[in-house]
Protein backbone atom coordinates (compact mmCIF):
# COMPACT_ATOMS: atom_id res chain seq x y z
CA MET A 1 10.76 12.84 1.40
CA GLN A 2 14.38 12.52 2.41
CA GLY A 3 13.59 14.24 5.72
CA ILE A 4 10.92 11.65 6.54
CA ARG A 5 13.35 8.84 5.77
CA GLU A 6 15.99 10.41 8.03
CA ARG A 7 13.54 10.89 10.93
CA HIS A 8 12.10 7.38 10.59
CA PRO A 9 14.94 5.08 9.47
CA ARG A 10 13.00 1.87 10.27
CA HIS A 11 9.98 2.83 8.19
CA ILE A 12 9.14 3.15 4.50
CA PRO A 13 6.81 5.86 3.14
CA CYS A 14 4.05 4.49 0.91
CA LEU A 15 1.63 6.32 -1.34
CA VAL A 16 -1.48 4.29 -2.18
CA HIS A 17 -3.64 5.48 -5.09
CA THR A 18 -7.28 4.35 -5.06
CA GLN A 19 -9.71 3.98 -7.96
CA GLU A 20 -11.70 6.98 -6.75
CA GLY A 21 -8.65 9.19 -7.11
CA THR A 22 -7.84 9.57 -3.41
CA LYS A 23 -4.37 9.00 -2.06
CA LEU A 24 -3.44 7.36 1.22
CA LYS A 25 -0.11 8.34 2.73
CA LEU A 26 1.27 5.60 4.95
CA LEU A 27 4.45 5.07 6.93
CA VAL A 28 4.95 1.32 7.36
CA GLY A 29 7.71 -0.71 8.98
CA LYS A 30 10.46 -2.21 6.85
CA ASP A 31 9.31 -5.72 7.73
CA SER A 32 5.68 -5.05 6.73
CA THR A 33 3.99 -7.04 4.00
CA ALA A 34 1.52 -6.11 1.29
CA GLY A 35 -1.14 -8.00 3.25
CA PHE A 36 -0.61 -5.64 6.19
CA VAL A 37 -0.86 -2.57 3.92
CA ASN A 38 -3.99 -4.05 2.36
CA GLY A 39 -5.55 -4.38 5.82
CA VAL A 40 -4.65 -0.81 6.74
CA CYS A 41 -6.20 0.44 3.50
CA ARG A 42 -9.36 -1.54 4.24
CA GLN A 43 -9.60 0.08 7.69
CA LYS A 44 -8.88 3.60 6.45
CA LEU A 45 -11.33 3.47 3.54
CA SER A 46 -14.05 1.45 5.31
CA THR A 47 -16.40 2.11 2.37
CA GLY A 48 -16.55 -1.43 1.04
CA SER A 49 -18.59 -4.26 2.45
CA SER A 50 -17.20 -7.63 3.44
CA SER A 51 -17.81 -8.81 -0.13
CA THR A 52 -15.36 -6.22 -1.50
CA ALA A 53 -11.86 -7.50 -2.24
CA TYR A 54 -8.85 -5.17 -2.34
CA PHE A 55 -5.87 -5.82 -4.59
CA LEU A 56 -2.55 -3.95 -4.45
CA PHE A 57 -0.49 -3.35 -7.58
CA HIS A 58 3.07 -2.08 -7.85
CA GLY A 59 3.26 -0.94 -11.46
CA PRO A 60 1.83 -3.75 -13.62
CA ILE A 61 2.49 -6.46 -11.01
CA MET A 62 -0.08 -7.56 -8.44
CA CYS A 63 1.40 -7.90 -4.95
CA THR A 64 0.69 -11.07 -3.01
CA GLY A 65 0.00 -10.87 0.70
CA SER A 66 3.52 -12.03 1.56
CA THR A 67 5.33 -9.46 -0.62
CA ARG A 68 7.65 -7.39 1.56
CA ILE A 69 7.31 -3.63 1.13
CA ALA A 70 11.09 -3.33 1.55
CA SER A 71 11.56 -5.36 -1.65
CA LEU A 72 9.47 -2.77 -3.55
CA ASP A 73 11.52 0.16 -2.19
CA ILE A 74 13.96 0.49 -5.10
CA LYS A 75 13.74 4.25 -5.70
CA SER A 76 14.99 5.19 -2.26
CA PRO A 77 14.20 8.90 -1.95
CA ALA A 78 10.75 8.50 -3.52
CA PRO A 79 7.91 6.73 -1.68
CA VAL A 80 6.71 3.28 -2.72
CA GLU A 81 3.74 3.87 -5.01
CA LEU A 82 0.98 1.29 -4.90
CA HIS A 83 -2.39 1.20 -6.67
CA LEU A 84 -5.44 -0.22 -4.90
CA ARG A 85 -8.17 -1.93 -6.93
CA CYS A 86 -11.55 -2.80 -5.40
CA GLU A 87 -13.59 -5.67 -6.82
CA ASN A 88 -16.91 -7.16 -5.81
CA THR A 89 -16.32 -10.86 -5.11
CA PHE A 90 -19.96 -11.85 -5.62
CA GLY A 91 -20.29 -10.81 -9.25
């Protein structure tokens, strides 16, 4: 992981765990927000319909769309680990 951080100093590695057990490995810019990561996850998974809502969690805390990924990067050599929850918004 340290090698990735040295090659891409303006980016942060993210590991997104989904409910199905899959993992998405992302390399996002330091100025990226959780809303941007949420959109990328929606594009990559593309299994949910428009009525499916995606929520990102960092530990027990739900990330708002304006949460900066750089503020979650506190364990520098390790990637930022996020958990993605999918919910049906129509019941």
